[in-house]
Amino acid sequence: MGLEVKLDASKLESWASQLSARGMRNAIRRAIDKSATAARKVALDIIAKDAGVSVARIKPGVTKLRRTTQTDLSASFTATKLRIGILETKGASVGAGGLRASTHRLTGGGSASLNIANAFVVRMANGAWFVAFRKSKARLPIKGVYAEMPSTAMGQDRAAARVAWQKEAEKQLAQRLPQEVQKQLLSEGLPYSPPADTGE
C-alpha cells in the first residue's frame, strides 16, 4: 500500500545525536511497526463497513503486516481481490422477487439499493454456492454477484479506508516515535531529557 506518513521529527534531533546509529534505527523501526499495526486494524474495520460484512470475513483479503527491516524502514500490507458472496453482506436476501441487497460504500455517495429481479442461488457439487443472474434469456452464461473487494475499498485515492489508515498511522507515529527513542536512550544508559517545547 503506497502511502507516505509525514512527521515533524525536529524535536528528536538532539536525542538522535546521543544514540548509537543502530539504536536509533531500531527505535524508529519499533515505532513504525507498532503504528502501522494499529493503523491496519482501523483500516480493516473501515474496509469491512465499506463492504457491509464482518471484519472476520475481510481479514483473509488483507495481508499481514510486512514489517520494517534494518535496510528498509517501511511497513505495508496489501488489500486483495477477495471475492465475497453478496449474501454475506448485511441485509441481503434472495427470494421470489430476486436479490435484494445494498452497497455500503463509505466513499462517494454512501449506501445504495441493489435489486436484481432474476437473481438466483447456484449450488455447486463441492457444497459452495453463490448468487447469480442470467446475462440474457438463454440458460447460459450466468454472472455471479459479489460484495465489494477489499482492494476496491482501499484502492481509491480518497477511499474512506485509505484516508483512515493514513490519519491513524500519522497519529500513532507522532505518539510512538518519541516513546521508542526514550526507551532506547534508557537501554543504552543515556540520560533522558525531553526537548524544549517551542509551542509550535
C-alpha atoms as a PDB file:
ATOM      1  CA  MET A   1       0.000   0.000   0.000  1.00  0.00           C
ATOM      2  CA  GLY A   2       1.858   3.060  -1.257  1.00  0.00           C
ATOM      3  CA  LEU A   3       1.032   5.639   1.401  1.00  0.00           C
ATOM      4  CA  GLU A   4       3.507   8.005   2.997  1.00  0.00           C
ATOM      5  CA  VAL A   5       3.248   9.157   6.624  1.00  0.00           C
ATOM      6  CA  LYS A   6       4.764  12.552   7.437  1.00  0.00           C
ATOM      7  CA  LEU A   7       6.120  13.520  10.857  1.00  0.00           C
ATOM      8  CA  ASP A   8       7.936  16.578  12.161  1.00  0.00           C
ATOM      9  CA  ALA A   9      10.960  14.995  13.866  1.00  0.00           C
ATOM     10  CA  SER A  10      12.874  18.205  14.633  1.00  0.00           C
ATOM     11  CA  LYS A  11      12.377  17.765  18.387  1.00  0.00           C
ATOM     12  CA  LEU A  12      14.024  14.336  18.219  1.00  0.00           C
ATOM     13  CA  GLU A  13      17.284  15.536  16.687  1.00  0.00           C
ATOM     14  CA  SER A  14      19.032  16.181  19.998  1.00  0.00           C
ATOM     15  CA  TRP A  15      18.159  12.675  21.180  1.00  0.00           C
ATOM     16  CA  ALA A  16      19.283  11.117  17.917  1.00  0.00           C
ATOM     17  CA  SER A  17      22.746  12.633  18.246  1.00  0.00           C
ATOM     18  CA  GLN A  18      23.251  10.766  21.536  1.00  0.00           C
ATOM     19  CA  LEU A  19      22.060   7.362  20.399  1.00  0.00           C
ATOM     20  CA  SER A  20      24.047   4.782  18.526  1.00  0.00           C
ATOM     21  CA  ALA A  21      23.111   4.634  14.843  1.00  0.00           C
ATOM     22  CA  ARG A  22      21.772   1.094  15.234  1.00  0.00           C
ATOM     23  CA  GLY A  23      19.849   2.013  18.390  1.00  0.00           C
ATOM     24  CA  MET A  24      18.173   4.965  16.707  1.00  0.00           C
ATOM     25  CA  ARG A  25      17.233   2.830  13.728  1.00  0.00           C
ATOM     26  CA  ASN A  26      15.768   0.146  15.997  1.00  0.00           C
ATOM     27  CA  ALA A  27      13.696   2.768  17.825  1.00  0.00           C
ATOM     28  CA  ILE A  28      12.350   4.052  14.512  1.00  0.00           C
ATOM     29  CA  ARG A  29      11.588   0.507  13.360  1.00  0.00           C
ATOM     30  CA  ARG A  30       9.616  -0.292  16.512  1.00  0.00           C
ATOM     31  CA  ALA A  31       7.639   2.945  16.218  1.00  0.00           C
ATOM     32  CA  ILE A  32       6.797   2.339  12.557  1.00  0.00           C
ATOM     33  CA  ASP A  33       5.831  -1.302  13.076  1.00  0.00           C
ATOM     34  CA  LYS A  34       3.570  -0.521  16.044  1.00  0.00           C
ATOM     35  CA  SER A  35       1.999   2.458  14.284  1.00  0.00           C
ATOM     36  CA  ALA A  36       1.330   0.511  11.094  1.00  0.00           C
ATOM     37  CA  THR A  37      -0.161  -2.386  13.069  1.00  0.00           C
ATOM     38  CA  ALA A  38      -2.579  -0.067  14.860  1.00  0.00           C
ATOM     39  CA  ALA A  39      -3.470   1.715  11.614  1.00  0.00           C
ATOM     40  CA  ARG A  40      -4.070  -1.598   9.802  1.00  0.00           C
ATOM     41  CA  LYS A  41      -6.616  -2.526  12.462  1.00  0.00           C
ATOM     42  CA  VAL A  42      -8.501   0.731  11.818  1.00  0.00           C
ATOM     43  CA  ALA A  43      -8.353   0.129   8.061  1.00  0.00           C
ATOM     44  CA  LEU A  44      -9.762  -3.395   8.467  1.00  0.00           C
ATOM     45  CA  ASP A  45     -12.767  -2.020  10.308  1.00  0.00           C
ATOM     46  CA  ILE A  46     -13.460   0.588   7.617  1.00  0.00           C
ATOM     47  CA  ILE A  47     -12.995  -1.915   4.762  1.00  0.00           C
ATOM     48  CA  ALA A  48     -15.499  -4.235   6.438  1.00  0.00           C
ATOM     49  CA  LYS A  49     -18.030  -1.428   6.864  1.00  0.00           C
ATOM     50  CA  ASP A  50     -17.457  -0.356   3.253  1.00  0.00           C
ATOM     51  CA  ALA A  51     -18.373  -3.851   2.023  1.00  0.00           C
ATOM     52  CA  GLY A  52     -21.117  -4.422   4.600  1.00  0.00           C
ATOM     53  CA  VAL A  53     -19.559  -7.539   6.135  1.00  0.00           C
ATOM     54  CA  SER A  54     -17.773  -8.501   9.354  1.00  0.00           C
ATOM     55  CA  VAL A  55     -14.091  -7.797   9.980  1.00  0.00           C
ATOM     56  CA  ALA A  56     -13.507 -11.566  10.250  1.00  0.00           C
ATOM     57  CA  ARG A  57     -14.769 -12.003   6.681  1.00  0.00           C
ATOM     58  CA  ILE A  58     -12.458  -9.270   5.378  1.00  0.00           C
ATOM     59  CA  LYS A  59      -9.264 -10.483   7.097  1.00  0.00           C
ATOM     60  CA  PRO A  60      -8.441 -13.211   4.514  1.00  0.00           C
ATOM     61  CA  GLY A  61      -8.361 -10.459   1.898  1.00  0.00           C
ATOM     62  CA  VAL A  62      -5.888  -8.230   3.750  1.00  0.00           C
ATOM     63  CA  THR A  63      -2.344  -9.499   4.176  1.00  0.00           C
ATOM     64  CA  LYS A  64      -0.499  -9.441   7.460  1.00  0.00           C
ATOM     65  CA  LEU A  65       1.785  -6.503   8.018  1.00  0.00           C
ATOM     66  CA  ARG A  66       5.152  -6.637   6.288  1.00  0.00           C
ATOM     67  CA  ARG A  67       7.356  -5.165   8.981  1.00  0.00           C
ATOM     68  CA  THR A  68      10.438  -2.998   8.722  1.00  0.00           C
ATOM     69  CA  THR A  69      13.947  -4.376   8.287  1.00  0.00           C
ATOM     70  CA  GLN A  70      17.394  -2.967   9.005  1.00  0.00           C
ATOM     71  CA  THR A  71      17.634  -1.853   5.381  1.00  0.00           C
ATOM     72  CA  ASP A  72      14.013  -0.821   4.780  1.00  0.00           C
ATOM     73  CA  LEU A  73      12.160   1.434   7.220  1.00  0.00           C
ATOM     74  CA  SER A  74       8.738   0.885   5.674  1.00  0.00           C
ATOM     75  CA  ALA A  75       5.825  -1.279   6.776  1.00  0.00           C
ATOM     76  CA  SER A  76       2.993  -2.286   4.497  1.00  0.00           C
ATOM     77  CA  PHE A  77       0.051  -4.582   3.842  1.00  0.00           C
ATOM     78  CA  THR A  78      -1.962  -5.429   0.738  1.00  0.00           C
ATOM     79  CA  ALA A  79      -5.723  -5.456   0.218  1.00  0.00           C
ATOM     80  CA  THR A  80      -6.519  -8.202  -2.294  1.00  0.00           C
ATOM     81  CA  LYS A  81      -9.299  -9.034  -4.751  1.00  0.00           C
ATOM     82  CA  LEU A  82     -11.040 -11.379  -2.309  1.00  0.00           C
ATOM     83  CA  ARG A  83     -14.468 -12.397  -3.617  1.00  0.00           C
ATOM     84  CA  ILE A  84     -17.221 -12.264  -1.004  1.00  0.00           C
ATOM     85  CA  GLY A  85     -20.702 -13.502  -1.875  1.00  0.00           C
ATOM     86  CA  ILE A  86     -23.346 -10.787  -1.881  1.00  0.00           C
ATOM     87  CA  LEU A  87     -25.493 -12.768   0.585  1.00  0.00           C
ATOM     88  CA  GLU A  88     -22.750 -12.341   3.174  1.00  0.00           C
ATOM     89  CA  THR A  89     -23.418  -8.607   3.253  1.00  0.00           C
ATOM     90  CA  LYS A  90     -25.709  -7.132   5.879  1.00  0.00           C
ATOM     91  CA  GLY A  91     -29.415  -7.344   4.979  1.00  0.00           C
ATOM     92  CA  ALA A  92     -29.004  -9.194   1.655  1.00  0.00           C
ATOM     93  CA  SER A  93     -31.538 -11.862   0.675  1.00  0.00           C
ATOM     94  CA  VAL A  94     -32.753 -13.853  -2.323  1.00  0.00           C
ATOM     95  CA  GLY A  95     -36.448 -14.684  -2.587  1.00  0.00           C
ATOM     96  CA  ALA A  96     -39.304 -14.822  -5.054  1.00  0.00           C
ATOM     97  CA  GLY A  97     -38.575 -11.240  -6.055  1.00  0.00           C
ATOM     98  CA  GLY A  98     -34.892 -11.946  -6.719  1.00  0.00           C
ATOM     99  CA  LEU A  99     -31.924 -10.404  -4.932  1.00  0.00           C
ATOM    100  CA  ARG A 100     -32.366  -7.523  -2.520  1.00  0.00           C
ATOM    101  CA  ALA A 101     -29.184  -6.045  -1.095  1.00  0.00           C
ATOM    102  CA  SER A 102     -27.362  -2.788  -0.526  1.00  0.00           C
ATOM    103  CA  THR A 103     -23.989  -1.435  -1.442  1.00  0.00           C
ATOM    104  CA  HIS A 104     -22.276   0.041   1.600  1.00  0.00           C
ATOM    105  CA  ARG A 105     -19.746   2.414   0.073  1.00  0.00           C
ATOM    106  CA  LEU A 106     -18.479   4.910   2.646  1.00  0.00           C
ATOM    107  CA  THR A 107     -16.709   6.708  -0.189  1.00  0.00           C
ATOM    108  CA  GLY A 108     -18.593   8.524  -2.916  1.00  0.00           C
ATOM    109  CA  GLY A 109     -22.254   8.746  -2.018  1.00  0.00           C
ATOM    110  CA  GLY A 110     -22.909   6.228   0.718  1.00  0.00           C
ATOM    111  CA  SER A 111     -25.220   3.211   0.518  1.00  0.00           C
ATOM    112  CA  ALA A 112     -27.460   2.386  -2.415  1.00  0.00           C
ATOM    113  CA  SER A 113     -30.031  -0.344  -3.009  1.00  0.00           C
ATOM    114  CA  LEU A 114     -29.168  -3.307  -5.212  1.00  0.00           C
ATOM    115  CA  ASN A 115     -32.128  -5.222  -6.657  1.00  0.00           C
ATOM    116  CA  ILE A 116     -31.834  -7.944  -9.324  1.00  0.00           C
ATOM    117  CA  ALA A 117     -35.242  -9.449 -10.100  1.00  0.00           C
ATOM    118  CA  ASN A 118     -33.974 -12.575 -11.881  1.00  0.00           C
ATOM    119  CA  ALA A 119     -31.192 -13.465  -9.418  1.00  0.00           C
ATOM    120  CA  PHE A 120     -30.969 -16.997  -8.033  1.00  0.00           C
ATOM    121  CA  VAL A 121     -28.691 -19.142  -5.851  1.00  0.00           C
ATOM    122  CA  VAL A 122     -26.289 -21.532  -7.583  1.00  0.00           C
ATOM    123  CA  ARG A 123     -25.172 -24.548  -5.565  1.00  0.00           C
ATOM    124  CA  MET A 124     -22.104 -26.448  -6.753  1.00  0.00           C
ATOM    125  CA  ALA A 125     -21.077 -30.074  -6.280  1.00  0.00           C
ATOM    126  CA  ASN A 126     -18.400 -29.162  -3.720  1.00  0.00           C
ATOM    127  CA  GLY A 127     -21.006 -27.533  -1.463  1.00  0.00           C
ATOM    128  CA  ALA A 128     -20.104 -23.958  -2.358  1.00  0.00           C
ATOM    129  CA  TRP A 129     -22.785 -21.562  -3.539  1.00  0.00           C
ATOM    130  CA  PHE A 130     -23.168 -18.058  -4.911  1.00  0.00           C
ATOM    131  CA  VAL A 131     -25.816 -15.678  -6.216  1.00  0.00           C
ATOM    132  CA  ALA A 132     -26.026 -15.216  -9.963  1.00  0.00           C
ATOM    133  CA  PHE A 133     -28.246 -13.928 -12.753  1.00  0.00           C
ATOM    134  CA  ARG A 134     -28.534 -14.752 -16.445  1.00  0.00           C
ATOM    135  CA  LYS A 135     -26.980 -12.237 -18.791  1.00  0.00           C
ATOM    136  CA  SER A 136     -29.610 -12.971 -21.442  1.00  0.00           C
ATOM    137  CA  LYS A 137     -32.744 -15.068 -21.926  1.00  0.00           C
ATOM    138  CA  ALA A 138     -30.541 -18.086 -22.587  1.00  0.00           C
ATOM    139  CA  ARG A 139     -29.768 -20.533 -19.780  1.00  0.00           C
ATOM    140  CA  LEU A 140     -26.093 -19.627 -20.006  1.00  0.00           C
ATOM    141  CA  PRO A 141     -23.946 -17.624 -19.455  1.00  0.00           C
ATOM    142  CA  ILE A 142     -24.619 -16.504 -15.892  1.00  0.00           C
ATOM    143  CA  LYS A 143     -22.843 -13.838 -13.849  1.00  0.00           C
ATOM    144  CA  GLY A 144     -22.061 -14.052 -10.142  1.00  0.00           C
ATOM    145  CA  VAL A 145     -22.918 -11.213  -7.740  1.00  0.00           C
ATOM    146  CA  TYR A 146     -20.309 -10.332  -5.139  1.00  0.00           C
ATOM    147  CA  ALA A 147     -19.662  -7.717  -2.495  1.00  0.00           C
ATOM    148  CA  GLU A 148     -17.040  -5.031  -2.902  1.00  0.00           C
ATOM    149  CA  MET A 149     -13.479  -6.389  -2.851  1.00  0.00           C
ATOM    150  CA  PRO A 150     -11.031  -5.188  -0.165  1.00  0.00           C
ATOM    151  CA  SER A 151      -8.751  -3.891  -2.929  1.00  0.00           C
ATOM    152  CA  THR A 152     -11.550  -1.626  -4.150  1.00  0.00           C
ATOM    153  CA  ALA A 153     -12.324  -0.347  -0.651  1.00  0.00           C
ATOM    154  CA  MET A 154      -8.667   0.593  -0.165  1.00  0.00           C
ATOM    155  CA  GLY A 155      -7.611   1.389  -3.705  1.00  0.00           C
ATOM    156  CA  GLN A 156      -9.005   4.829  -4.493  1.00  0.00           C
ATOM    157  CA  ASP A 157      -7.049   7.942  -3.512  1.00  0.00           C
ATOM    158  CA  ARG A 158      -9.814   9.318  -1.276  1.00  0.00           C
ATOM    159  CA  ALA A 159     -11.304   5.969  -0.240  1.00  0.00           C
ATOM    160  CA  ALA A 160     -12.565   6.004   3.358  1.00  0.00           C
ATOM    161  CA  ALA A 161     -10.307   3.121   4.428  1.00  0.00           C
ATOM    162  CA  ARG A 162      -7.247   4.682   2.811  1.00  0.00           C
ATOM    163  CA  VAL A 163      -7.863   8.064   4.468  1.00  0.00           C
ATOM    164  CA  ALA A 164      -8.468   6.409   7.849  1.00  0.00           C
ATOM    165  CA  TRP A 165      -5.266   4.350   7.537  1.00  0.00           C
ATOM    166  CA  GLN A 166      -3.095   7.373   6.843  1.00  0.00           C
ATOM    167  CA  LYS A 167      -4.694   9.509   9.550  1.00  0.00           C
ATOM    168  CA  GLU A 168      -4.264   6.797  12.176  1.00  0.00           C
ATOM    169  CA  ALA A 169      -0.707   5.985  11.081  1.00  0.00           C
ATOM    170  CA  GLU A 170       0.329   9.632  11.388  1.00  0.00           C
ATOM    171  CA  LYS A 171      -1.286   9.960  14.820  1.00  0.00           C
ATOM    172  CA  GLN A 172       0.275   6.750  16.097  1.00  0.00           C
ATOM    173  CA  LEU A 173       3.749   7.567  14.794  1.00  0.00           C
ATOM    174  CA  ALA A 174       3.701  11.028  16.362  1.00  0.00           C
ATOM    175  CA  GLN A 175       2.983   9.374  19.728  1.00  0.00           C
ATOM    176  CA  ARG A 176       5.142   6.272  19.461  1.00  0.00           C
ATOM    177  CA  LEU A 177       8.391   7.561  17.981  1.00  0.00           C
ATOM    178  CA  PRO A 178       9.321   9.760  20.994  1.00  0.00           C
ATOM    179  CA  GLN A 179       8.393   6.873  23.308  1.00  0.00           C
ATOM    180  CA  GLU A 180      10.598   4.407  21.461  1.00  0.00           C
ATOM    181  CA  VAL A 181      13.527   6.837  21.299  1.00  0.00           C
ATOM    182  CA  GLN A 182      13.214   7.394  25.060  1.00  0.00           C
ATOM    183  CA  LYS A 183      13.234   3.627  25.652  1.00  0.00           C
ATOM    184  CA  GLN A 184      16.340   3.280  23.520  1.00  0.00           C
ATOM    185  CA  LEU A 185      18.107   6.058  25.426  1.00  0.00           C
ATOM    186  CA  LEU A 186      17.417   4.277  28.702  1.00  0.00           C
ATOM    187  CA  SER A 187      18.505   0.895  27.309  1.00  0.00           C
ATOM    188  CA  GLU A 188      21.834   2.412  26.234  1.00  0.00           C
ATOM    189  CA  GLY A 189      22.296   4.029  29.638  1.00  0.00           C
ATOM    190  CA  LEU A 190      21.975   7.579  28.348  1.00  0.00           C
ATOM    191  CA  PRO A 191      20.278  10.368  30.324  1.00  0.00           C
ATOM    192  CA  TYR A 192      16.798  11.367  29.179  1.00  0.00           C
ATOM    193  CA  SER A 193      15.777  14.990  28.970  1.00  0.00           C
ATOM    194  CA  PRO A 194      12.871  15.933  26.735  1.00  0.00           C
ATOM    195  CA  PRO A 195      13.484  18.691  24.193  1.00  0.00           C
ATOM    196  CA  ALA A 196      12.054  22.126  24.948  1.00  0.00           C
ATOM    197  CA  ASP A 197       8.523  22.680  23.747  1.00  0.00           C
ATOM    198  CA  THR A 198       8.581  25.597  21.355  1.00  0.00           C
ATOM    199  CA  GLY A 199       4.776  25.764  21.254  1.00  0.00           C
ATOM    200  CA  GLU A 200       4.748  25.085  17.513  1.00  0.00           C
END
